[in-house]
Amino acid sequence: MIDYDKVRSLPAMFGEIAAARGDRPFLWSKQAGRYQPMSWSQTARTVNRLARGLVALGVQPGDRVALAAENRPEWAIADLAIMSAGAITVPAYTTNTVDDHRHIFGNSGARLVIASKPPVSDRAIAAAAQVPSVQAIIVMDGAAPEGAHTWDAALARGDDQPDDIARRIAALGPDDIACIIHTSGTGGLPKGVIATQRNIIANCRGAYHLLEMLGLGDEVFLNFLPLSHSYEHTAGLMFPISIGAQIYFAEGADSLAANLVEVR
């Protein structure tokens, strides 16, 4: 078991668990109709490459990086890479309109935007073009529009960047901001809610004690609520990481029952 009291940051926690789990399966996603795994070590390498890519694109400690994507391995990788670079993740719902994205990107002062694929990326890119603080865009799938970078290109930039990520992670403390998650906006414009590294680690500790009452084993999680929401971000991503669990990404609400049977 990880000692939650000694964990200084979420990227440090991930690094410790990934080193211990090695080539065991971690993130599972559907490919060609079947769930395929990405190991802990493979995920850690990709997180490091993307973090270095973000640094190459000018991301500095404390910068905000917006993330608009469906639940998928790349969401988790991007989130961990952003924090590993010393920056702050600003998640955005895939259902956001251009106006929604523009408000969130501008309100947070996002320096860079990572988006998945059309139509999500189309709306995010259109919004980013209207926010002066956004200096770069990364698109996960397909060709990137002029001025933007593909996911693979961002990883390749990381390969050419000196590896300064361990130092950046070591510099993170429990009271540094991990993410800024915006409210739904039902009571007016969405408001950014700050969560520190310590906030999320404390929730992971509490979840561990609850699960301990039921009995810990080879835990498997099915991730289906939006990772851009604070609950799933903690209970469906960071907490499973903290106990070395496997995470399966559901295909969607319509296939949830079938995915439950497939996963376990």
Protein backbone atom coordinates (compact mmCIF):
# COMPACT_ATOMS: atom_id res chain seq x y z
CA MET A 1 0.00 0.00 0.00
CA ILE A 2 1.19 3.50 -0.77
CA ASP A 3 1.67 5.80 2.22
CA TYR A 4 -0.78 8.60 1.44
CA ASP A 5 0.70 10.77 4.19
CA LYS A 6 4.05 10.82 2.40
CA VAL A 7 2.74 11.48 -1.12
CA ARG A 8 3.66 15.01 -2.21
CA SER A 9 1.89 15.08 -5.58
CA LEU A 10 -0.22 13.01 -7.96
CA PRO A 11 2.55 12.66 -10.60
CA ALA A 12 4.95 11.47 -7.91
CA MET A 13 2.34 8.96 -6.74
CA PHE A 14 1.81 7.71 -10.29
CA GLY A 15 5.56 7.36 -10.84
CA GLU A 16 5.99 5.31 -7.67
CA ILE A 17 3.12 2.95 -8.50
CA ALA A 18 4.10 2.64 -12.19
CA ALA A 19 7.66 1.70 -11.26
CA ALA A 20 6.34 -1.04 -8.96
CA ARG A 21 3.71 -2.37 -11.41
CA GLY A 22 5.98 -2.35 -14.47
CA ASP A 23 4.60 -4.25 -17.46
CA ARG A 24 1.33 -5.25 -15.81
CA PRO A 25 -1.83 -4.00 -17.56
CA PHE A 26 -3.14 -0.60 -16.51
CA LEU A 27 -5.35 1.26 -19.02
CA TRP A 28 -7.78 -0.76 -21.15
CA SER A 29 -9.60 0.64 -24.19
CA LYS A 30 -11.59 -0.82 -27.06
CA GLN A 31 -9.66 -1.36 -30.29
CA ALA A 32 -11.14 -3.28 -33.21
CA GLY A 33 -13.98 -4.43 -30.98
CA ARG A 34 -11.82 -5.84 -28.18
CA TYR A 35 -10.35 -4.39 -25.01
CA GLN A 36 -6.59 -3.95 -25.35
CA PRO A 37 -4.26 -2.98 -22.47
CA MET A 38 -1.60 -0.34 -22.04
CA SER A 39 0.89 -1.29 -19.33
CA TRP A 40 1.99 0.88 -16.43
CA SER A 41 5.49 1.22 -17.86
CA GLN A 42 4.22 2.11 -21.33
CA THR A 43 1.90 4.70 -19.84
CA ALA A 44 4.71 6.18 -17.74
CA ARG A 45 6.96 6.49 -20.80
CA THR A 46 4.22 8.23 -22.79
CA VAL A 47 3.46 10.58 -19.90
CA ASN A 48 7.13 11.55 -19.77
CA ARG A 49 7.32 12.08 -23.54
CA LEU A 50 4.20 14.27 -23.58
CA ALA A 51 5.34 16.25 -20.54
CA ARG A 52 8.62 17.00 -22.33
CA GLY A 53 6.61 17.89 -25.44
CA LEU A 54 4.59 20.39 -23.42
CA VAL A 55 7.81 21.92 -22.10
CA ALA A 56 9.10 22.17 -25.67
CA LEU A 57 5.92 24.06 -26.56
CA GLY A 58 6.63 26.59 -23.83
CA VAL A 59 4.60 25.27 -20.89
CA GLN A 60 6.02 26.54 -17.59
CA PRO A 61 5.25 25.52 -13.98
CA GLY A 62 1.95 27.05 -12.94
CA ASP A 63 0.63 27.44 -16.50
CA ARG A 64 -2.91 26.28 -17.22
CA VAL A 65 -3.46 23.62 -19.89
CA ALA A 66 -7.04 22.93 -21.01
CA LEU A 67 -8.09 19.35 -21.79
CA ALA A 68 -11.20 18.61 -23.87
CA ALA A 69 -11.55 14.91 -24.68
CA GLU A 70 -13.66 11.82 -24.16
CA ASN A 71 -12.68 9.32 -21.46
CA ARG A 72 -9.77 7.41 -22.98
CA PRO A 73 -6.16 6.52 -22.15
CA GLU A 74 -4.92 9.76 -23.72
CA TRP A 75 -7.04 11.75 -21.23
CA ALA A 76 -5.24 10.15 -18.30
CA ILE A 77 -1.86 10.50 -20.02
CA ALA A 78 -2.46 14.17 -20.81
CA ASP A 79 -3.61 14.95 -17.26
CA LEU A 80 -0.55 13.29 -15.72
CA ALA A 81 1.77 14.89 -18.28
CA ILE A 82 0.38 18.36 -17.62
CA MET A 83 0.98 18.01 -13.89
CA SER A 84 4.37 16.34 -14.45
CA ALA A 85 5.45 19.46 -16.36
CA GLY A 86 4.45 21.47 -13.28
CA ALA A 87 1.36 22.89 -14.97
CA ILE A 88 -2.33 22.79 -14.01
CA THR A 89 -5.02 20.78 -15.81
CA VAL A 90 -8.22 22.61 -16.79
CA PRO A 91 -10.70 19.91 -17.89
CA ALA A 92 -13.57 20.81 -20.22
CA TYR A 93 -16.70 18.81 -21.03
CA THR A 94 -16.96 17.30 -24.51
CA THR A 95 -20.49 18.76 -24.74
CA ASN A 96 -19.23 22.33 -24.33
CA THR A 97 -20.11 24.84 -27.02
CA VAL A 98 -17.56 27.21 -28.54
CA ASP A 99 -18.78 29.89 -26.12
CA ASP A 100 -18.40 27.51 -23.17
CA HIS A 101 -14.84 26.69 -24.16
CA ARG A 102 -13.99 30.34 -24.77
CA HIS A 103 -15.14 31.26 -21.27
CA ILE A 104 -13.23 28.40 -19.60
CA PHE A 105 -10.02 28.92 -21.60
CA GLY A 106 -10.13 32.66 -20.98
CA ASN A 107 -11.24 32.43 -17.35
CA SER A 108 -8.37 30.07 -16.51
CA GLY A 109 -5.80 31.83 -18.67
CA ALA A 110 -5.04 28.59 -20.53
CA ARG A 111 -1.69 28.64 -22.33
CA LEU A 112 -2.25 25.45 -24.29
CA VAL A 113 -5.26 23.35 -25.31
CA ILE A 114 -5.33 19.57 -25.82
CA ALA A 115 -8.42 18.29 -27.67
CA SER A 116 -9.43 14.87 -28.94
CA LYS A 117 -11.15 14.72 -32.34
CA PRO A 118 -14.00 16.34 -34.30
CA PRO A 119 -16.48 17.64 -33.34
CA VAL A 120 -14.92 18.16 -29.89
CA SER A 121 -11.63 19.44 -31.32
CA ASP A 122 -13.43 21.69 -33.83
CA ARG A 123 -15.21 23.58 -31.06
CA ALA A 124 -12.13 23.73 -28.85
CA ILE A 125 -9.95 25.03 -31.68
CA ALA A 126 -12.54 27.67 -32.65
CA ALA A 127 -12.68 28.85 -29.04
CA ALA A 128 -8.89 28.82 -28.60
CA ALA A 129 -8.52 31.12 -31.60
CA GLN A 130 -10.50 33.75 -29.64
CA VAL A 131 -8.46 33.51 -26.42
CA PRO A 132 -5.19 35.49 -26.49
CA SER A 133 -3.51 33.42 -23.74
CA VAL A 134 -3.64 30.19 -25.80
CA GLN A 135 -0.30 29.77 -27.55
CA ALA A 136 -0.53 26.17 -28.81
CA ILE A 137 -3.03 23.39 -29.56
CA ILE A 138 -2.55 19.61 -29.59
CA VAL A 139 -5.06 17.34 -31.36
CA MET A 140 -5.20 13.69 -30.29
CA ASP A 141 -6.67 12.14 -33.44
CA GLY A 142 -6.24 12.80 -37.13
CA ALA A 143 -4.52 15.64 -38.91
CA ALA A 144 -4.01 18.87 -37.01
CA PRO A 145 -5.21 22.12 -38.57
CA GLU A 146 -2.68 24.76 -39.55
CA GLY A 147 -0.78 26.04 -36.53
CA ALA A 148 -1.76 23.08 -34.31
CA HIS A 149 0.19 19.94 -33.42
CA THR A 150 -0.81 16.29 -33.64
CA TRP A 151 -0.48 14.02 -30.61
CA ASP A 152 2.37 12.11 -32.25
CA ALA A 153 4.17 15.35 -33.16
CA ALA A 154 3.93 16.54 -29.55
CA LEU A 155 5.42 13.24 -28.37
CA ALA A 156 8.20 13.52 -30.94
CA ARG A 157 8.98 17.04 -29.70
CA GLY A 158 9.35 15.54 -26.26
CA ASP A 159 11.92 13.07 -27.56
CA ASP A 160 14.09 16.01 -28.64
CA GLN A 161 13.69 17.82 -25.31
CA PRO A 162 16.12 17.32 -22.39
CA ASP A 163 14.44 15.24 -19.69
CA ASP A 164 13.79 17.74 -16.91
CA ILE A 165 10.52 16.13 -15.81
CA ALA A 166 11.78 14.36 -12.68
CA ARG A 167 13.01 17.71 -11.34
CA ARG A 168 9.68 19.37 -12.11
CA ILE A 169 7.77 16.60 -10.33
CA ALA A 170 10.10 16.81 -7.32
CA ALA A 171 9.41 20.55 -7.13
CA LEU A 172 5.66 19.97 -6.72
CA GLY A 173 4.26 20.20 -3.20
CA PRO A 174 0.97 19.14 -1.60
CA ASP A 175 -0.44 22.67 -1.73
CA ASP A 176 0.30 23.22 -5.41
CA ILE A 177 -2.75 23.30 -7.65
CA ALA A 178 -3.50 20.04 -9.50
CA CYS A 179 -6.51 21.14 -11.53
CA ILE A 180 -9.15 23.82 -11.98
CA ILE A 181 -12.52 22.19 -12.62
CA HIS A 182 -15.37 24.44 -13.73
CA THR A 183 -18.90 24.17 -12.42
CA SER A 184 -21.77 23.28 -14.74
CA GLY A 185 -22.89 26.89 -15.10
CA THR A 186 -26.47 26.27 -13.98
CA GLY A 187 -26.15 29.20 -11.57
CA GLY A 188 -24.55 31.59 -14.05
CA LEU A 189 -21.23 31.41 -15.85
CA PRO A 190 -19.11 28.37 -14.87
CA LYS A 191 -16.75 29.08 -12.01
CA GLY A 192 -13.32 27.50 -11.75
CA VAL A 193 -12.91 25.41 -8.58
CA ILE A 194 -9.30 24.90 -7.48
CA ALA A 195 -8.21 21.45 -6.26
CA THR A 196 -4.72 21.06 -4.84
CA GLN A 197 -2.57 17.96 -4.89
CA ARG A 198 -3.36 17.53 -1.19
CA ASN A 199 -7.13 17.79 -1.79
CA ILE A 200 -7.19 14.88 -4.22
CA ILE A 201 -4.69 12.75 -2.28
CA ALA A 202 -6.83 13.17 0.86
CA ASN A 203 -9.90 11.96 -1.03
CA CYS A 204 -7.91 8.95 -2.28
CA ARG A 205 -6.94 8.17 1.32
CA GLY A 206 -10.58 8.32 2.40
CA ALA A 207 -11.66 6.10 -0.49
CA TYR A 208 -8.96 3.59 0.42
CA HIS A 209 -10.29 3.25 3.97
CA LEU A 210 -13.81 2.66 2.61
CA LEU A 211 -12.62 0.02 0.14
CA GLU A 212 -10.51 -1.58 2.86
CA MET A 213 -13.73 -2.29 4.79
CA LEU A 214 -15.02 -4.29 1.80
CA GLY A 215 -11.73 -6.09 1.22
CA LEU A 216 -8.95 -5.14 -1.17
CA GLY A 217 -7.88 -7.45 -3.97
CA ASP A 218 -7.00 -7.24 -7.65
CA GLU A 219 -9.17 -4.20 -8.27
CA VAL A 220 -10.68 -3.35 -11.65
CA PHE A 221 -12.48 -0.08 -12.37
CA LEU A 222 -14.87 0.71 -15.22
CA ASN A 223 -14.54 4.39 -16.05
CA PHE A 224 -17.70 5.94 -17.52
CA LEU A 225 -18.58 9.25 -15.87
CA PRO A 226 -16.83 12.27 -17.47
CA LEU A 227 -13.25 12.62 -16.28
CA SER A 228 -13.78 16.38 -16.54
CA HIS A 229 -15.97 16.03 -13.42
CA SER A 230 -14.24 16.09 -10.03
CA TYR A 231 -15.84 12.83 -8.84
CA GLU A 232 -14.64 10.64 -11.70
CA HIS A 233 -11.30 12.41 -11.83
CA THR A 234 -10.66 11.24 -8.27
CA ALA A 235 -12.71 8.04 -7.88
CA GLY A 236 -12.24 6.77 -11.42
CA LEU A 237 -8.64 7.79 -12.14
CA MET A 238 -6.47 9.02 -9.27
CA PHE A 239 -7.77 6.61 -6.63
CA PRO A 240 -7.34 3.54 -8.88
CA ILE A 241 -3.80 4.73 -9.63
CA SER A 242 -3.08 5.00 -5.91
CA ILE A 243 -3.92 1.31 -5.33
CA GLY A 244 -2.36 0.02 -8.54
CA ALA A 245 -5.72 -0.96 -10.06
CA GLN A 246 -6.61 -1.55 -13.70
CA ILE A 247 -8.89 0.97 -15.42
CA TYR A 248 -11.20 0.07 -18.29
CA PHE A 249 -12.79 2.85 -20.33
CA ALA A 250 -16.45 2.27 -21.14
CA GLU A 251 -17.50 2.87 -24.73
CA GLY A 252 -20.44 5.00 -23.61
CA ALA A 253 -23.63 5.03 -21.56
CA ASP A 254 -25.50 2.89 -24.12
CA SER A 255 -22.96 0.07 -23.89
CA LEU A 256 -22.31 0.28 -20.15
CA ALA A 257 -24.14 -2.96 -19.29
CA ALA A 258 -22.25 -4.88 -21.98
CA ASN A 259 -18.94 -3.36 -20.91
CA LEU A 260 -19.59 -4.40 -17.30
CA VAL A 261 -19.84 -8.02 -18.41
CA GLU A 262 -16.74 -7.73 -20.62
CA VAL A 263 -14.62 -6.15 -17.90
CA ARG A 264 -15.57 -8.50 -15.07
